[in-house]
Amino acid sequence: MTNPSNSNEDIAVALRYDAPAAPRITAKGSGDLAREIMEIARQYDVPLYENAELAQLLSLLELTEQIPESLYVAVAEVLAFAYWLSGKTPESADTDA
């Protein structure tokens, strides 16, 4: 998740989702650290999703913290985007585990 914010400082937040638990924050940073997180994601073909407001909210959470219920819908959209990019459907995701 990235934030090409209008404050001229990039923010990046990485999530990990292991069902059935809520997604967790696995990395976060701003400025140079955000750019490094995004570069590592690119190297490993991890999808990047730009949403400045969501990245800002998620950056307030602590590392390893589960996302709060109030952000479930927004993060579900991010996860759906990542699955779509990888060609997965809800049916194929069940068989990939």
C-alpha atoms as a PDB file:
ATOM      1  CA  MET A   1       0.000   0.000   0.000  1.00  0.00           C
ATOM      2  CA  THR A   2       1.554   3.282  -0.974  1.00  0.00           C
ATOM      3  CA  ASN A   3       0.781   6.929  -0.492  1.00  0.00           C
ATOM      4  CA  PRO A   4       2.154   9.277  -3.110  1.00  0.00           C
ATOM      5  CA  SER A   5       0.897  12.010  -0.806  1.00  0.00           C
ATOM      6  CA  ASN A   6       0.635  15.670  -1.551  1.00  0.00           C
ATOM      7  CA  SER A   7       2.991  16.299   1.373  1.00  0.00           C
ATOM      8  CA  ASN A   8       5.825  15.108  -0.918  1.00  0.00           C
ATOM      9  CA  GLU A   9       6.672  12.261   1.434  1.00  0.00           C
ATOM     10  CA  ASP A  10       5.970   8.712   0.391  1.00  0.00           C
ATOM     11  CA  ILE A  11       4.369   6.349   2.888  1.00  0.00           C
ATOM     12  CA  ALA A  12       4.392   2.572   2.459  1.00  0.00           C
ATOM     13  CA  VAL A  13       2.611  -0.051   4.523  1.00  0.00           C
ATOM     14  CA  ALA A  14       2.945  -3.788   3.910  1.00  0.00           C
ATOM     15  CA  LEU A  15       0.239  -6.221   4.949  1.00  0.00           C
ATOM     16  CA  ARG A  16       0.187  -9.969   5.460  1.00  0.00           C
ATOM     17  CA  TYR A  17      -3.028 -11.914   5.410  1.00  0.00           C
ATOM     18  CA  ASP A  18      -3.250 -15.401   6.880  1.00  0.00           C
ATOM     19  CA  ALA A  19      -6.918 -16.363   7.019  1.00  0.00           C
ATOM     20  CA  PRO A  20      -8.895 -16.559   9.186  1.00  0.00           C
ATOM     21  CA  ALA A  21      -7.136 -13.830  11.219  1.00  0.00           C
ATOM     22  CA  ALA A  22      -7.279 -10.198  10.145  1.00  0.00           C
ATOM     23  CA  PRO A  23      -4.401  -8.845   8.042  1.00  0.00           C
ATOM     24  CA  ARG A  24      -1.374  -7.611   9.978  1.00  0.00           C
ATOM     25  CA  ILE A  25       1.089  -4.773   9.417  1.00  0.00           C
ATOM     26  CA  THR A  26       4.437  -6.320   8.439  1.00  0.00           C
ATOM     27  CA  ALA A  27       6.366  -3.217   7.381  1.00  0.00           C
ATOM     28  CA  LYS A  28       5.803   0.501   7.305  1.00  0.00           C
ATOM     29  CA  GLY A  29       7.791   3.616   6.714  1.00  0.00           C
ATOM     30  CA  SER A  30       7.987   7.023   5.151  1.00  0.00           C
ATOM     31  CA  GLY A  31      10.470   8.790   2.927  1.00  0.00           C
ATOM     32  CA  ASP A  32      13.525   6.688   2.051  1.00  0.00           C
ATOM     33  CA  LEU A  33      12.253   3.714   4.053  1.00  0.00           C
ATOM     34  CA  ALA A  34       8.947   3.791   2.154  1.00  0.00           C
ATOM     35  CA  ARG A  35      10.783   3.815  -1.155  1.00  0.00           C
ATOM     36  CA  GLU A  36      12.915   0.868   0.019  1.00  0.00           C
ATOM     37  CA  ILE A  37       9.803  -1.094   1.048  1.00  0.00           C
ATOM     38  CA  MET A  38       8.265  -0.424  -2.369  1.00  0.00           C
ATOM     39  CA  GLU A  39      11.463  -1.475  -4.169  1.00  0.00           C
ATOM     40  CA  ILE A  40      11.610  -4.751  -2.247  1.00  0.00           C
ATOM     41  CA  ALA A  41       7.940  -5.353  -3.101  1.00  0.00           C
ATOM     42  CA  ARG A  42       8.704  -4.801  -6.787  1.00  0.00           C
ATOM     43  CA  GLN A  43      11.685  -7.195  -6.636  1.00  0.00           C
ATOM     44  CA  TYR A  44       9.425  -9.941  -5.291  1.00  0.00           C
ATOM     45  CA  ASP A  45       6.458  -9.117  -7.568  1.00  0.00           C
ATOM     46  CA  VAL A  46       4.303  -8.041  -4.637  1.00  0.00           C
ATOM     47  CA  PRO A  47       1.413  -5.924  -5.938  1.00  0.00           C
ATOM     48  CA  LEU A  48       1.484  -2.247  -5.016  1.00  0.00           C
ATOM     49  CA  TYR A  49      -1.809  -0.466  -4.409  1.00  0.00           C
ATOM     50  CA  GLU A  50      -1.935   3.306  -4.133  1.00  0.00           C
ATOM     51  CA  ASN A  51      -4.397   4.767  -1.652  1.00  0.00           C
ATOM     52  CA  ALA A  52      -3.061   7.788   0.217  1.00  0.00           C
ATOM     53  CA  GLU A  53      -5.768   7.944   2.869  1.00  0.00           C
ATOM     54  CA  LEU A  54      -5.647   4.236   3.691  1.00  0.00           C
ATOM     55  CA  ALA A  55      -1.837   4.195   3.769  1.00  0.00           C
ATOM     56  CA  GLN A  56      -1.888   7.128   6.201  1.00  0.00           C
ATOM     57  CA  LEU A  57      -4.378   5.370   8.504  1.00  0.00           C
ATOM     58  CA  LEU A  58      -2.517   2.052   8.395  1.00  0.00           C
ATOM     59  CA  SER A  59       0.795   3.771   9.104  1.00  0.00           C
ATOM     60  CA  LEU A  60      -0.582   4.749  12.532  1.00  0.00           C
ATOM     61  CA  LEU A  61      -0.754   1.068  13.543  1.00  0.00           C
ATOM     62  CA  GLU A  62       2.108  -0.789  15.185  1.00  0.00           C
ATOM     63  CA  LEU A  63       4.123  -3.486  13.415  1.00  0.00           C
ATOM     64  CA  THR A  64       2.450  -6.926  13.664  1.00  0.00           C
ATOM     65  CA  GLU A  65      -0.807  -5.273  14.770  1.00  0.00           C
ATOM     66  CA  GLN A  66      -3.980  -6.592  13.160  1.00  0.00           C
ATOM     67  CA  ILE A  67      -5.936  -4.049  11.193  1.00  0.00           C
ATOM     68  CA  PRO A  68      -8.959  -2.706  13.080  1.00  0.00           C
ATOM     69  CA  GLU A  69     -12.441  -3.816  12.120  1.00  0.00           C
ATOM     70  CA  SER A  70     -13.218  -0.305  10.891  1.00  0.00           C
ATOM     71  CA  LEU A  71     -10.727  -0.802   8.020  1.00  0.00           C
ATOM     72  CA  TYR A  72     -11.820  -4.320   6.988  1.00  0.00           C
ATOM     73  CA  VAL A  73     -13.755  -3.206   3.891  1.00  0.00           C
ATOM     74  CA  ALA A  74     -10.986  -0.932   2.616  1.00  0.00           C
ATOM     75  CA  VAL A  75      -8.306  -3.584   3.151  1.00  0.00           C
ATOM     76  CA  ALA A  76     -10.543  -6.246   1.588  1.00  0.00           C
ATOM     77  CA  GLU A  77     -10.536  -4.138  -1.586  1.00  0.00           C
ATOM     78  CA  VAL A  78      -6.723  -4.125  -1.514  1.00  0.00           C
ATOM     79  CA  LEU A  79      -6.609  -7.903  -1.050  1.00  0.00           C
ATOM     80  CA  ALA A  80      -9.149  -8.413  -3.852  1.00  0.00           C
ATOM     81  CA  PHE A  81      -6.948  -6.252  -6.109  1.00  0.00           C
ATOM     82  CA  ALA A  82      -3.868  -8.334  -5.255  1.00  0.00           C
ATOM     83  CA  TYR A  83      -5.717 -11.603  -5.904  1.00  0.00           C
ATOM     84  CA  TRP A  84      -7.077 -10.241  -9.195  1.00  0.00           C
ATOM     85  CA  LEU A  85      -3.565  -9.237 -10.329  1.00  0.00           C
ATOM     86  CA  SER A  86      -2.304 -12.733  -9.580  1.00  0.00           C
ATOM     87  CA  GLY A  87      -5.188 -14.316 -11.501  1.00  0.00           C
ATOM     88  CA  LYS A  88      -6.751 -15.873  -8.421  1.00  0.00           C
ATOM     89  CA  THR A  89     -10.464 -16.148  -7.766  1.00  0.00           C
ATOM     90  CA  PRO A  90     -12.174 -16.967  -4.465  1.00  0.00           C
ATOM     91  CA  GLU A  91     -12.580 -20.543  -5.697  1.00  0.00           C
ATOM     92  CA  SER A  92      -8.899 -20.961  -6.672  1.00  0.00           C
ATOM     93  CA  ALA A  93      -7.678 -19.295  -3.463  1.00  0.00           C
ATOM     94  CA  ASP A  94      -9.329 -22.073  -1.442  1.00  0.00           C
ATOM     95  CA  THR A  95      -7.399 -24.741  -3.345  1.00  0.00           C
ATOM     96  CA  ASP A  96      -4.031 -22.927  -3.286  1.00  0.00           C
ATOM     97  CA  ALA A  97      -3.556 -23.200   0.477  1.00  0.00           C
END
